[in-house]
Amino acid sequence: MEARQVTTTSKGRIHVSSTPQDVNYEIGQDNIRPFGLDIHNPVFVVSAITIILFVLFVLAFQEGAAEMFGKLRPWLTTTFDWVFMGAANIFVLFCLLLIVTPLGKVRLGGADATPDYSYAGWFAMLFAAGMGIGLMFFGVLEPVYHFQNPPLGVNVADTEAARAIALLLGGGLASLQAASIATGFPFAIVLVAMAYSTFVGLKAEKR
């Protein structure tokens, strides 16, 4: 195991140096290897048991589970809607902060790392694997939902007004914000944390 020290040069460069440090832990020493798999014992066992118990509960009490979850989702979305919206906006601001600060220039993979794909390739994969399905799904769901339940005091019987507000909120501004901004930045924070811990480790340097 190594200890790291973060320093900043006079030109604003970030350098992470490492020094050997003796510890009694080896990465993967607690893993189990059933059927040739390499599994982290506490994480896998706890997660597997939780999922199995949850599935058994739902199968054993289908009507009660359906009623409970049917009430739980509306309660969460109406009581804690401010948490969801606030968290999404915080994620956006945090990602923008990473971009404009020197931390945004830390090269994942080390100082000599080069990208495997071009920006065009990354955007293509982004829309094909993640945002694409969201746009296809919510691009239909949101206009229909707002048409059936028009907001801002619009009378549902006024078909033309309901259609107009549905296309405005569900097919335009809201879909753009939800699919391309609010959902993208939370993914980015998780992926950056995973990429930094996996590919940078103790060798992060600013470009």
N, C-alpha and C. Protein backbone atom coordinates (compact mmCIF):
# COMPACT_ATOMS: atom_id res chain seq x y z
N MET A 1 0.86 -1.19 0.00
CA MET A 1 0.00 0.00 0.00
C MET A 1 0.89 1.23 0.00
N GLU A 2 0.40 2.32 -0.64
CA GLU A 2 1.16 3.54 -0.72
C GLU A 2 0.35 4.70 -0.17
N ALA A 3 1.05 5.69 0.38
CA ALA A 3 0.40 6.92 0.85
C ALA A 3 0.59 7.98 -0.21
N ARG A 4 -0.40 8.83 -0.42
CA ARG A 4 -0.32 9.84 -1.46
C ARG A 4 -0.28 11.24 -0.87
N GLN A 5 0.38 12.13 -1.60
CA GLN A 5 0.48 13.52 -1.19
C GLN A 5 0.15 14.40 -2.38
N VAL A 6 -0.81 15.29 -2.20
CA VAL A 6 -1.26 16.16 -3.27
C VAL A 6 -0.57 17.51 -3.14
N THR A 7 0.08 17.97 -4.22
CA THR A 7 0.76 19.26 -4.23
C THR A 7 0.37 20.02 -5.48
N THR A 8 0.49 21.35 -5.40
CA THR A 8 0.19 22.21 -6.53
C THR A 8 1.42 23.04 -6.87
N THR A 9 1.84 23.02 -8.13
CA THR A 9 3.03 23.75 -8.55
C THR A 9 2.70 25.21 -8.76
N SER A 10 3.75 26.02 -9.05
CA SER A 10 3.56 27.46 -9.26
C SER A 10 2.72 27.75 -10.49
N LYS A 11 2.70 26.81 -11.45
CA LYS A 11 1.90 27.01 -12.65
C LYS A 11 0.49 26.45 -12.52
N GLY A 12 0.13 26.08 -11.33
CA GLY A 12 -1.22 25.58 -11.10
C GLY A 12 -1.39 24.10 -11.40
N ARG A 13 -0.30 23.38 -11.63
CA ARG A 13 -0.39 21.96 -11.93
C ARG A 13 -0.63 21.15 -10.65
N ILE A 14 -1.49 20.17 -10.77
CA ILE A 14 -1.78 19.28 -9.64
C ILE A 14 -0.94 18.02 -9.80
N HIS A 15 -0.25 17.65 -8.74
CA HIS A 15 0.58 16.46 -8.77
C HIS A 15 0.28 15.62 -7.54
N VAL A 16 0.04 14.35 -7.76
CA VAL A 16 -0.20 13.42 -6.67
C VAL A 16 0.97 12.45 -6.62
N SER A 17 1.77 12.55 -5.57
CA SER A 17 2.92 11.67 -5.41
C SER A 17 2.59 10.57 -4.42
N SER A 18 3.31 9.48 -4.51
CA SER A 18 3.05 8.35 -3.64
C SER A 18 4.33 7.86 -3.00
N THR A 19 4.21 7.40 -1.79
CA THR A 19 5.35 6.85 -1.05
C THR A 19 4.93 5.53 -0.44
N PRO A 20 5.85 4.55 -0.39
CA PRO A 20 5.49 3.24 0.18
C PRO A 20 5.08 3.36 1.65
N GLN A 21 4.13 2.55 2.01
CA GLN A 21 3.66 2.54 3.39
C GLN A 21 3.24 1.10 3.74
N ASP A 22 3.80 0.57 4.80
CA ASP A 22 3.52 -0.80 5.19
C ASP A 22 2.16 -0.88 5.87
N VAL A 23 1.32 -1.79 5.37
CA VAL A 23 0.03 -2.05 5.98
C VAL A 23 -0.17 -3.56 6.02
N ASN A 24 -1.15 -3.97 6.79
CA ASN A 24 -1.41 -5.40 6.94
C ASN A 24 -2.55 -5.89 6.07
N TYR A 25 -3.02 -5.04 5.15
CA TYR A 25 -4.18 -5.42 4.31
C TYR A 25 -3.76 -5.52 2.86
N GLU A 26 -4.21 -6.57 2.20
CA GLU A 26 -4.01 -6.74 0.77
C GLU A 26 -5.35 -6.66 0.07
N ILE A 27 -5.37 -5.97 -1.08
CA ILE A 27 -6.61 -5.82 -1.83
C ILE A 27 -7.11 -7.20 -2.26
N GLY A 28 -8.36 -7.48 -1.92
CA GLY A 28 -8.96 -8.75 -2.30
C GLY A 28 -8.74 -9.88 -1.33
N GLN A 29 -8.12 -9.60 -0.19
CA GLN A 29 -7.81 -10.70 0.74
C GLN A 29 -9.08 -11.30 1.36
N ASP A 30 -10.16 -10.52 1.41
CA ASP A 30 -11.41 -11.03 1.99
C ASP A 30 -12.36 -11.59 0.94
N ASN A 31 -11.93 -11.62 -0.32
CA ASN A 31 -12.81 -12.10 -1.38
C ASN A 31 -13.03 -13.60 -1.28
N ILE A 32 -14.18 -14.03 -1.79
CA ILE A 32 -14.48 -15.46 -1.91
C ILE A 32 -14.52 -15.81 -3.39
N ARG A 33 -14.26 -17.07 -3.72
CA ARG A 33 -14.14 -17.47 -5.13
C ARG A 33 -14.97 -18.72 -5.42
N PRO A 34 -16.30 -18.61 -5.29
CA PRO A 34 -17.14 -19.77 -5.66
C PRO A 34 -17.30 -19.85 -7.17
N PHE A 35 -17.27 -21.07 -7.68
CA PHE A 35 -17.47 -21.32 -9.12
C PHE A 35 -16.51 -20.54 -10.00
N GLY A 36 -15.32 -20.25 -9.47
CA GLY A 36 -14.33 -19.52 -10.25
C GLY A 36 -14.52 -18.02 -10.28
N LEU A 37 -15.51 -17.51 -9.54
CA LEU A 37 -15.77 -16.07 -9.49
C LEU A 37 -14.96 -15.44 -8.36
N ASP A 38 -14.60 -14.17 -8.54
CA ASP A 38 -13.88 -13.42 -7.51
C ASP A 38 -14.83 -12.38 -6.93
N ILE A 39 -15.37 -12.66 -5.74
CA ILE A 39 -16.46 -11.86 -5.18
C ILE A 39 -16.03 -11.26 -3.86
N HIS A 40 -16.33 -9.98 -3.68
CA HIS A 40 -16.06 -9.31 -2.41
C HIS A 40 -17.08 -9.81 -1.39
N ASN A 41 -16.59 -10.49 -0.37
CA ASN A 41 -17.47 -11.23 0.52
C ASN A 41 -18.53 -10.38 1.21
N PRO A 42 -18.21 -9.35 1.99
CA PRO A 42 -19.29 -8.63 2.69
C PRO A 42 -20.27 -7.96 1.74
N VAL A 43 -19.75 -7.32 0.69
CA VAL A 43 -20.63 -6.58 -0.22
C VAL A 43 -21.58 -7.53 -0.92
N PHE A 44 -21.05 -8.62 -1.47
CA PHE A 44 -21.88 -9.55 -2.23
C PHE A 44 -22.90 -10.25 -1.34
N VAL A 45 -22.44 -10.74 -0.20
CA VAL A 45 -23.34 -11.51 0.67
C VAL A 45 -24.49 -10.64 1.17
N VAL A 46 -24.18 -9.45 1.64
CA VAL A 46 -25.23 -8.56 2.16
C VAL A 46 -26.21 -8.18 1.05
N SER A 47 -25.68 -7.83 -0.12
CA SER A 47 -26.54 -7.44 -1.24
C SER A 47 -27.40 -8.61 -1.69
N ALA A 48 -26.80 -9.80 -1.83
CA ALA A 48 -27.55 -10.96 -2.30
C ALA A 48 -28.66 -11.34 -1.33
N ILE A 49 -28.36 -11.35 -0.03
CA ILE A 49 -29.37 -11.70 0.96
C ILE A 49 -30.51 -10.68 0.96
N THR A 50 -30.16 -9.39 0.85
CA THR A 50 -31.20 -8.35 0.82
C THR A 50 -32.11 -8.52 -0.38
N ILE A 51 -31.54 -8.76 -1.55
CA ILE A 51 -32.34 -8.92 -2.76
C ILE A 51 -33.22 -10.16 -2.67
N ILE A 52 -32.67 -11.28 -2.19
CA ILE A 52 -33.45 -12.52 -2.09
C ILE A 52 -34.62 -12.35 -1.12
N LEU A 53 -34.35 -11.72 0.03
CA LEU A 53 -35.43 -11.51 1.00
C LEU A 53 -36.51 -10.59 0.43
N PHE A 54 -36.09 -9.58 -0.31
CA PHE A 54 -37.06 -8.66 -0.91
C PHE A 54 -37.94 -9.39 -1.93
N VAL A 55 -37.33 -10.20 -2.78
CA VAL A 55 -38.08 -10.95 -3.79
C VAL A 55 -39.03 -11.94 -3.13
N LEU A 56 -38.56 -12.65 -2.09
CA LEU A 56 -39.42 -13.60 -1.39
C LEU A 56 -40.60 -12.91 -0.72
N PHE A 57 -40.35 -11.73 -0.15
CA PHE A 57 -41.43 -10.98 0.49
C PHE A 57 -42.50 -10.59 -0.53
N VAL A 58 -42.06 -10.11 -1.69
CA VAL A 58 -43.02 -9.69 -2.72
C VAL A 58 -43.81 -10.89 -3.25
N LEU A 59 -43.13 -12.02 -3.46
CA LEU A 59 -43.82 -13.21 -3.96
C LEU A 59 -44.78 -13.79 -2.93
N ALA A 60 -44.43 -13.72 -1.65
CA ALA A 60 -45.27 -14.30 -0.61
C ALA A 60 -46.48 -13.42 -0.29
N PHE A 61 -46.33 -12.13 -0.40
CA PHE A 61 -47.41 -11.19 -0.07
C PHE A 61 -47.63 -10.25 -1.25
N GLN A 62 -48.10 -10.79 -2.34
CA GLN A 62 -48.21 -10.02 -3.58
C GLN A 62 -49.22 -8.87 -3.45
N GLU A 63 -50.37 -9.15 -2.90
CA GLU A 63 -51.39 -8.09 -2.79
C GLU A 63 -50.94 -7.01 -1.82
N GLY A 64 -50.40 -7.44 -0.66
CA GLY A 64 -49.94 -6.44 0.31
C GLY A 64 -48.78 -5.63 -0.22
N ALA A 65 -47.86 -6.29 -0.94
CA ALA A 65 -46.72 -5.57 -1.51
C ALA A 65 -47.18 -4.58 -2.57
N ALA A 66 -48.13 -5.00 -3.39
CA ALA A 66 -48.63 -4.11 -4.44
C ALA A 66 -49.29 -2.87 -3.82
N GLU A 67 -50.06 -3.09 -2.76
CA GLU A 67 -50.71 -1.96 -2.09
C GLU A 67 -49.69 -1.05 -1.42
N MET A 68 -48.68 -1.65 -0.78
CA MET A 68 -47.68 -0.85 -0.09
C MET A 68 -46.87 0.00 -1.06
N PHE A 69 -46.37 -0.64 -2.12
CA PHE A 69 -45.57 0.11 -3.09
C PHE A 69 -46.41 1.09 -3.89
N GLY A 70 -47.68 0.74 -4.08
CA GLY A 70 -48.58 1.66 -4.78
C GLY A 70 -48.79 2.95 -4.00
N LYS A 71 -48.77 2.88 -2.67
CA LYS A 71 -48.89 4.07 -1.84
C LYS A 71 -47.53 4.73 -1.59
N LEU A 72 -46.47 3.93 -1.58
CA LEU A 72 -45.15 4.46 -1.25
C LEU A 72 -44.63 5.41 -2.33
N ARG A 73 -44.77 5.04 -3.59
CA ARG A 73 -44.22 5.89 -4.65
C ARG A 73 -44.87 7.28 -4.69
N PRO A 74 -46.22 7.39 -4.69
CA PRO A 74 -46.81 8.73 -4.67
C PRO A 74 -46.42 9.53 -3.43
N TRP A 75 -46.31 8.85 -2.28
CA TRP A 75 -45.93 9.57 -1.06
C TRP A 75 -44.51 10.11 -1.17
N LEU A 76 -43.59 9.30 -1.70
CA LEU A 76 -42.21 9.76 -1.85
C LEU A 76 -42.10 10.90 -2.84
N THR A 77 -42.77 10.78 -3.97
CA THR A 77 -42.64 11.80 -5.01
C THR A 77 -43.34 13.10 -4.66
N THR A 78 -44.34 13.05 -3.78
CA THR A 78 -45.01 14.29 -3.37
C THR A 78 -44.40 14.90 -2.12
N THR A 79 -43.85 14.06 -1.24
CA THR A 79 -43.28 14.56 0.01
C THR A 79 -41.83 15.00 -0.16
N PHE A 80 -41.08 14.26 -0.95
CA PHE A 80 -39.65 14.53 -1.10
C PHE A 80 -39.29 14.96 -2.51
N ASP A 81 -40.25 15.54 -3.23
CA ASP A 81 -39.94 16.01 -4.58
C ASP A 81 -38.87 17.10 -4.56
N TRP A 82 -38.85 17.90 -3.50
CA TRP A 82 -37.85 18.96 -3.39
C TRP A 82 -36.45 18.39 -3.22
N VAL A 83 -36.35 17.20 -2.61
CA VAL A 83 -35.04 16.55 -2.46
C VAL A 83 -34.51 16.12 -3.82
N PHE A 84 -35.38 15.52 -4.63
CA PHE A 84 -34.97 15.07 -5.95
C PHE A 84 -34.51 16.24 -6.81
N MET A 85 -35.30 17.30 -6.83
CA MET A 85 -34.96 18.45 -7.67
C MET A 85 -33.72 19.17 -7.14
N GLY A 86 -33.65 19.32 -5.81
CA GLY A 86 -32.48 19.98 -5.23
C GLY A 86 -31.21 19.19 -5.46
N ALA A 87 -31.27 17.87 -5.29
CA ALA A 87 -30.09 17.04 -5.52
C ALA A 87 -29.63 17.12 -6.96
N ALA A 88 -30.57 17.09 -7.90
CA ALA A 88 -30.20 17.19 -9.31
C ALA A 88 -29.49 18.50 -9.60
N ASN A 89 -29.99 19.59 -9.06
CA ASN A 89 -29.36 20.89 -9.28
C ASN A 89 -27.98 20.97 -8.61
N ILE A 90 -27.85 20.36 -7.43
CA ILE A 90 -26.54 20.33 -6.76
C ILE A 90 -25.54 19.54 -7.58
N PHE A 91 -25.97 18.43 -8.16
CA PHE A 91 -25.09 17.63 -9.01
C PHE A 91 -24.62 18.44 -10.21
N VAL A 92 -25.54 19.20 -10.80
CA VAL A 92 -25.18 20.04 -11.95
C VAL A 92 -24.12 21.06 -11.55
N LEU A 93 -24.34 21.75 -10.44
CA LEU A 93 -23.39 22.77 -9.99
C LEU A 93 -22.04 22.16 -9.62
N PHE A 94 -22.08 20.99 -9.01
CA PHE A 94 -20.83 20.33 -8.63
C PHE A 94 -20.02 19.94 -9.86
N CYS A 95 -20.67 19.41 -10.87
CA CYS A 95 -19.97 19.04 -12.11
C CYS A 95 -19.41 20.27 -12.81
N LEU A 96 -20.18 21.34 -12.84
CA LEU A 96 -19.67 22.58 -13.44
C LEU A 96 -18.46 23.11 -12.66
N LEU A 97 -18.50 22.95 -11.32
CA LEU A 97 -17.37 23.36 -10.49
C LEU A 97 -16.13 22.54 -10.82
N LEU A 98 -16.31 21.25 -11.05
CA LEU A 98 -15.17 20.42 -11.44
C LEU A 98 -14.59 20.85 -12.78
N ILE A 99 -15.45 21.30 -13.67
CA ILE A 99 -14.99 21.69 -15.00
C ILE A 99 -14.14 22.95 -14.95
N VAL A 100 -14.55 23.95 -14.17
CA VAL A 100 -13.89 25.25 -14.19
C VAL A 100 -12.73 25.34 -13.20
N THR A 101 -12.59 24.38 -12.30
CA THR A 101 -11.48 24.39 -11.35
C THR A 101 -10.34 23.52 -11.88
N PRO A 102 -9.15 23.63 -11.29
CA PRO A 102 -8.03 22.78 -11.73
C PRO A 102 -8.30 21.28 -11.63
N LEU A 103 -9.24 20.88 -10.78
CA LEU A 103 -9.56 19.46 -10.67
C LEU A 103 -10.10 18.90 -11.99
N GLY A 104 -10.69 19.77 -12.80
CA GLY A 104 -11.22 19.33 -14.08
C GLY A 104 -10.15 18.93 -15.07
N LYS A 105 -8.89 19.25 -14.79
CA LYS A 105 -7.79 18.92 -15.69
C LYS A 105 -7.00 17.69 -15.25
N VAL A 106 -7.48 17.02 -14.20
CA VAL A 106 -6.82 15.78 -13.80
C VAL A 106 -7.07 14.72 -14.87
N ARG A 107 -5.99 14.13 -15.35
CA ARG A 107 -6.11 13.14 -16.41
C ARG A 107 -6.36 11.76 -15.81
N LEU A 108 -7.48 11.16 -16.13
CA LEU A 108 -7.79 9.82 -15.65
C LEU A 108 -6.86 8.82 -16.32
N GLY A 109 -6.19 8.04 -15.52
CA GLY A 109 -5.26 7.07 -16.07
C GLY A 109 -3.82 7.47 -15.95
N GLY A 110 -3.54 8.69 -15.47
CA GLY A 110 -2.16 9.13 -15.32
C GLY A 110 -1.77 10.15 -16.38
N ALA A 111 -0.58 10.72 -16.21
CA ALA A 111 -0.14 11.81 -17.08
C ALA A 111 0.04 11.39 -18.52
N ASP A 112 0.36 10.12 -18.77
CA ASP A 112 0.63 9.65 -20.13
C ASP A 112 -0.56 8.95 -20.76
N ALA A 113 -1.70 8.96 -20.10
CA ALA A 113 -2.87 8.26 -20.64
C ALA A 113 -3.45 9.00 -21.83
N THR A 114 -3.94 8.27 -22.79
CA THR A 114 -4.59 8.85 -23.98
C THR A 114 -5.98 8.25 -24.11
N PRO A 115 -6.94 9.00 -24.65
CA PRO A 115 -8.31 8.48 -24.78
C PRO A 115 -8.40 7.37 -25.82
N ASP A 116 -9.22 6.40 -25.57
CA ASP A 116 -9.42 5.31 -26.51
C ASP A 116 -10.41 5.67 -27.61
N TYR A 117 -11.28 6.66 -27.34
CA TYR A 117 -12.30 7.03 -28.31
C TYR A 117 -12.33 8.55 -28.45
N SER A 118 -12.81 9.00 -29.58
CA SER A 118 -12.93 10.43 -29.83
C SER A 118 -14.16 10.98 -29.11
N TYR A 119 -14.28 12.33 -29.07
CA TYR A 119 -15.46 12.94 -28.47
C TYR A 119 -16.74 12.48 -29.19
N ALA A 120 -16.67 12.38 -30.52
CA ALA A 120 -17.84 11.93 -31.28
C ALA A 120 -18.23 10.51 -30.88
N GLY A 121 -17.21 9.65 -30.68
CA GLY A 121 -17.50 8.28 -30.26
C GLY A 121 -18.13 8.22 -28.88
N TRP A 122 -17.61 9.05 -27.96
CA TRP A 122 -18.17 9.06 -26.60
C TRP A 122 -19.61 9.57 -26.60
N PHE A 123 -19.89 10.61 -27.37
CA PHE A 123 -21.26 11.12 -27.43
C PHE A 123 -22.19 10.09 -28.06
N ALA A 124 -21.70 9.37 -29.07
CA ALA A 124 -22.52 8.33 -29.70
C ALA A 124 -22.87 7.24 -28.70
N MET A 125 -21.87 6.80 -27.91
CA MET A 125 -22.12 5.77 -26.91
C MET A 125 -23.04 6.29 -25.81
N LEU A 126 -22.87 7.57 -25.45
CA LEU A 126 -23.70 8.16 -24.40
C LEU A 126 -25.17 8.11 -24.78
N PHE A 127 -25.49 8.52 -26.01
CA PHE A 127 -26.89 8.54 -26.43
C PHE A 127 -27.40 7.14 -26.74
N ALA A 128 -26.54 6.26 -27.22
CA ALA A 128 -26.99 4.91 -27.55
C ALA A 128 -27.26 4.08 -26.31
N ALA A 129 -26.41 4.21 -25.29
CA ALA A 129 -26.51 3.34 -24.13
C ALA A 129 -27.32 3.93 -22.99
N GLY A 130 -27.32 5.24 -22.82
CA GLY A 130 -27.97 5.82 -21.66
C GLY A 130 -29.07 6.80 -21.98
N MET A 131 -28.68 7.96 -22.50
CA MET A 131 -29.66 9.02 -22.71
C MET A 131 -30.63 8.71 -23.83
N GLY A 132 -30.19 7.88 -24.78
CA GLY A 132 -31.06 7.55 -25.91
C GLY A 132 -32.35 6.90 -25.47
N ILE A 133 -32.26 5.91 -24.59
CA ILE A 133 -33.46 5.22 -24.14
C ILE A 133 -34.33 6.15 -23.30
N GLY A 134 -33.68 7.06 -22.54
CA GLY A 134 -34.46 8.01 -21.77
C GLY A 134 -35.24 8.96 -22.65
N LEU A 135 -34.61 9.45 -23.72
CA LEU A 135 -35.30 10.35 -24.64
C LEU A 135 -36.44 9.63 -25.35
N MET A 136 -36.22 8.37 -25.75
CA MET A 136 -37.26 7.63 -26.44
C MET A 136 -38.46 7.39 -25.51
N PHE A 137 -38.17 7.08 -24.24
CA PHE A 137 -39.25 6.77 -23.30
C PHE A 137 -39.98 8.02 -22.84
N PHE A 138 -39.23 8.97 -22.28
CA PHE A 138 -39.87 10.16 -21.73
C PHE A 138 -40.34 11.11 -22.82
N GLY A 139 -39.78 10.98 -24.03
CA GLY A 139 -40.27 11.81 -25.13
C GLY A 139 -41.72 11.54 -25.45
N VAL A 140 -42.19 10.34 -25.13
CA VAL A 140 -43.60 10.00 -25.33
C VAL A 140 -44.38 10.11 -24.02
N LEU A 141 -43.76 9.66 -22.93
CA LEU A 141 -44.47 9.63 -21.65
C LEU A 141 -44.85 11.02 -21.17
N GLU A 142 -43.92 11.96 -21.18
CA GLU A 142 -44.19 13.27 -20.58
C GLU A 142 -45.28 14.06 -21.30
N PRO A 143 -45.27 14.15 -22.63
CA PRO A 143 -46.38 14.88 -23.28
C PRO A 143 -47.74 14.25 -22.99
N VAL A 144 -47.81 12.91 -23.01
CA VAL A 144 -49.08 12.24 -22.75
C VAL A 144 -49.53 12.48 -21.31
N TYR A 145 -48.57 12.41 -20.37
CA TYR A 145 -48.92 12.63 -18.96
C TYR A 145 -49.44 14.05 -18.74
N HIS A 146 -48.73 15.05 -19.30
CA HIS A 146 -49.16 16.43 -19.11
C HIS A 146 -50.45 16.73 -19.87
N PHE A 147 -50.72 15.98 -20.93
CA PHE A 147 -51.99 16.17 -21.64
C PHE A 147 -53.15 15.65 -20.81
N GLN A 148 -52.96 14.51 -20.14
CA GLN A 148 -54.02 13.95 -19.31
C GLN A 148 -54.15 14.66 -17.97
N ASN A 149 -53.04 15.23 -17.48
CA ASN A 149 -53.04 15.94 -16.20
C ASN A 149 -52.38 17.30 -16.40
N PRO A 150 -53.02 18.22 -17.10
CA PRO A 150 -52.38 19.50 -17.41
C PRO A 150 -52.10 20.33 -16.15
N PRO A 151 -50.88 20.87 -16.03
CA PRO A 151 -50.53 21.70 -14.87
C PRO A 151 -50.92 23.15 -15.10
N LEU A 152 -50.50 24.01 -14.16
CA LEU A 152 -50.67 25.46 -14.24
C LEU A 152 -52.13 25.87 -14.37
N GLY A 153 -53.04 25.06 -13.80
CA GLY A 153 -54.45 25.43 -13.79
C GLY A 153 -55.17 25.25 -15.11
N VAL A 154 -54.58 24.58 -16.06
CA VAL A 154 -55.23 24.37 -17.36
C VAL A 154 -56.33 23.33 -17.19
N ASN A 155 -57.51 23.62 -17.74
CA ASN A 155 -58.66 22.72 -17.64
C ASN A 155 -58.44 21.54 -18.57
N VAL A 156 -58.58 20.32 -18.02
CA VAL A 156 -58.37 19.13 -18.83
C VAL A 156 -59.39 19.02 -19.95
N ALA A 157 -60.55 19.65 -19.77
CA ALA A 157 -61.56 19.61 -20.82
C ALA A 157 -61.19 20.49 -22.01
N ASP A 158 -60.30 21.46 -21.80
CA ASP A 158 -59.84 22.32 -22.88
C ASP A 158 -58.73 21.59 -23.63
N THR A 159 -59.12 20.85 -24.64
CA THR A 159 -58.18 19.97 -25.33
C THR A 159 -57.03 20.73 -25.97
N GLU A 160 -57.32 21.84 -26.60
CA GLU A 160 -56.27 22.60 -27.29
C GLU A 160 -55.26 23.17 -26.30
N ALA A 161 -55.75 23.71 -25.18
CA ALA A 161 -54.83 24.26 -24.17
C ALA A 161 -54.01 23.15 -23.53
N ALA A 162 -54.66 22.01 -23.26
CA ALA A 162 -53.93 20.89 -22.66
C ALA A 162 -52.87 20.35 -23.62
N ARG A 163 -53.20 20.31 -24.92
CA ARG A 163 -52.23 19.84 -25.90
C ARG A 163 -51.04 20.80 -25.99
N ALA A 164 -51.33 22.09 -25.96
CA ALA A 164 -50.26 23.08 -26.06
C ALA A 164 -49.32 23.01 -24.86
N ILE A 165 -49.87 22.93 -23.66
CA ILE A 165 -49.02 22.89 -22.47
C ILE A 165 -48.27 21.56 -22.39
N ALA A 166 -48.89 20.48 -22.88
CA ALA A 166 -48.22 19.18 -22.88
C ALA A 166 -47.01 19.18 -23.80
N LEU A 167 -47.16 19.76 -24.97
CA LEU A 167 -46.03 19.82 -25.91
C LEU A 167 -44.95 20.77 -25.42
N LEU A 168 -45.36 21.84 -24.73
CA LEU A 168 -44.38 22.79 -24.23
C LEU A 168 -43.55 22.19 -23.11
N LEU A 169 -44.22 21.58 -22.13
CA LEU A 169 -43.52 21.04 -20.96
C LEU A 169 -42.96 19.65 -21.21
N GLY A 170 -43.76 18.79 -21.82
CA GLY A 170 -43.34 17.41 -22.01
C GLY A 170 -42.49 17.19 -23.23
N GLY A 171 -42.69 17.97 -24.26
CA GLY A 171 -41.94 17.74 -25.48
C GLY A 171 -40.82 18.73 -25.71
N GLY A 172 -40.70 19.72 -24.82
CA GLY A 172 -39.68 20.73 -25.06
C GLY A 172 -38.78 20.97 -23.87
N LEU A 173 -39.11 21.96 -23.07
CA LEU A 173 -38.22 22.41 -22.00
C LEU A 173 -37.98 21.33 -20.95
N ALA A 174 -39.06 20.71 -20.48
CA ALA A 174 -38.90 19.73 -19.40
C ALA A 174 -38.12 18.51 -19.87
N SER A 175 -38.42 18.03 -21.08
CA SER A 175 -37.71 16.86 -21.58
C SER A 175 -36.24 17.16 -21.77
N LEU A 176 -35.94 18.35 -22.28
CA LEU A 176 -34.53 18.73 -22.48
C LEU A 176 -33.81 18.78 -21.15
N GLN A 177 -34.44 19.40 -20.15
CA GLN A 177 -33.80 19.51 -18.84
C GLN A 177 -33.66 18.16 -18.16
N ALA A 178 -34.71 17.34 -18.23
CA ALA A 178 -34.69 16.06 -17.52
C ALA A 178 -33.76 15.06 -18.17
N ALA A 179 -33.81 14.98 -19.50
CA ALA A 179 -33.05 13.92 -20.18
C ALA A 179 -31.60 14.27 -20.38
N SER A 180 -31.30 15.54 -20.64
CA SER A 180 -29.93 15.88 -21.00
C SER A 180 -29.15 16.54 -19.88
N ILE A 181 -29.82 17.07 -18.87
CA ILE A 181 -29.10 17.78 -17.81
C ILE A 181 -29.26 17.07 -16.48
N ALA A 182 -30.48 17.02 -15.97
CA ALA A 182 -30.68 16.51 -14.61
C ALA A 182 -30.28 15.06 -14.47
N THR A 183 -30.51 14.25 -15.52
CA THR A 183 -30.16 12.83 -15.41
C THR A 183 -28.71 12.57 -15.76
N GLY A 184 -28.11 13.43 -16.55
CA GLY A 184 -26.73 13.19 -16.98
C GLY A 184 -25.71 13.48 -15.92
N PHE A 185 -25.87 14.55 -15.18
CA PHE A 185 -24.87 14.94 -14.19
C PHE A 185 -24.78 13.99 -13.00
N PRO A 186 -25.90 13.46 -12.45
CA PRO A 186 -25.74 12.44 -11.40
C PRO A 186 -24.95 11.23 -11.87
N PHE A 187 -25.20 10.78 -13.11
CA PHE A 187 -24.41 9.69 -13.67
C PHE A 187 -22.94 10.08 -13.73
N ALA A 188 -22.68 11.32 -14.13
CA ALA A 188 -21.30 11.77 -14.28
C ALA A 188 -20.55 11.73 -12.96
N ILE A 189 -21.21 12.13 -11.86
CA ILE A 189 -20.54 12.14 -10.56
C ILE A 189 -20.15 10.72 -10.15
N VAL A 190 -21.08 9.79 -10.31
CA VAL A 190 -20.78 8.39 -9.93
C VAL A 190 -19.66 7.83 -10.81
N LEU A 191 -19.73 8.10 -12.11
CA LEU A 191 -18.73 7.55 -13.03
C LEU A 191 -17.35 8.17 -12.80
N VAL A 192 -17.30 9.47 -12.53
CA VAL A 192 -16.01 10.11 -12.26
C VAL A 192 -15.39 9.54 -10.98
N ALA A 193 -16.21 9.34 -9.95
CA ALA A 193 -15.68 8.76 -8.71
C ALA A 193 -15.14 7.35 -8.94
N MET A 194 -15.87 6.54 -9.72
CA MET A 194 -15.42 5.18 -10.00
C MET A 194 -14.16 5.20 -10.87
N ALA A 195 -14.15 6.08 -11.88
CA ALA A 195 -13.00 6.13 -12.78
C ALA A 195 -11.76 6.62 -12.05
N TYR A 196 -11.93 7.63 -11.20
CA TYR A 196 -10.77 8.16 -10.48
C TYR A 196 -10.18 7.11 -9.55
N SER A 197 -11.03 6.45 -8.79
CA SER A 197 -10.52 5.45 -7.85
C SER A 197 -9.95 4.23 -8.55
N THR A 198 -10.46 3.91 -9.75
CA THR A 198 -10.03 2.71 -10.45
C THR A 198 -8.80 2.95 -11.31
N PHE A 199 -8.80 4.04 -12.09
CA PHE A 199 -7.77 4.24 -13.10
C PHE A 199 -6.68 5.23 -12.70
N VAL A 200 -6.97 6.09 -11.73
CA VAL A 200 -5.97 7.07 -11.32
C VAL A 200 -5.20 6.56 -10.12
N GLY A 201 -5.92 6.25 -9.06
CA GLY A 201 -5.27 5.76 -7.85
C GLY A 201 -4.30 6.77 -7.29
N LEU A 202 -3.05 6.44 -7.23
CA LEU A 202 -2.05 7.29 -6.62
C LEU A 202 -1.17 7.99 -7.65
N LYS A 203 -1.59 8.00 -8.93
CA LYS A 203 -0.75 8.55 -9.97
C LYS A 203 -1.42 9.68 -10.73
N ALA A 204 -2.37 10.38 -10.08
CA ALA A 204 -3.09 11.43 -10.78
C ALA A 204 -2.20 12.64 -10.98
N GLU A 205 -2.21 13.17 -12.17
CA GLU A 205 -1.48 14.38 -12.48
C GLU A 205 -2.33 15.25 -13.39
N LYS A 206 -2.17 16.53 -13.24
CA LYS A 206 -2.83 17.45 -14.16
C LYS A 206 -2.14 17.41 -15.51
N ARG A 207 -2.91 17.61 -16.56
CA ARG A 207 -2.34 17.57 -17.89
C ARG A 207 -1.27 18.65 -18.04
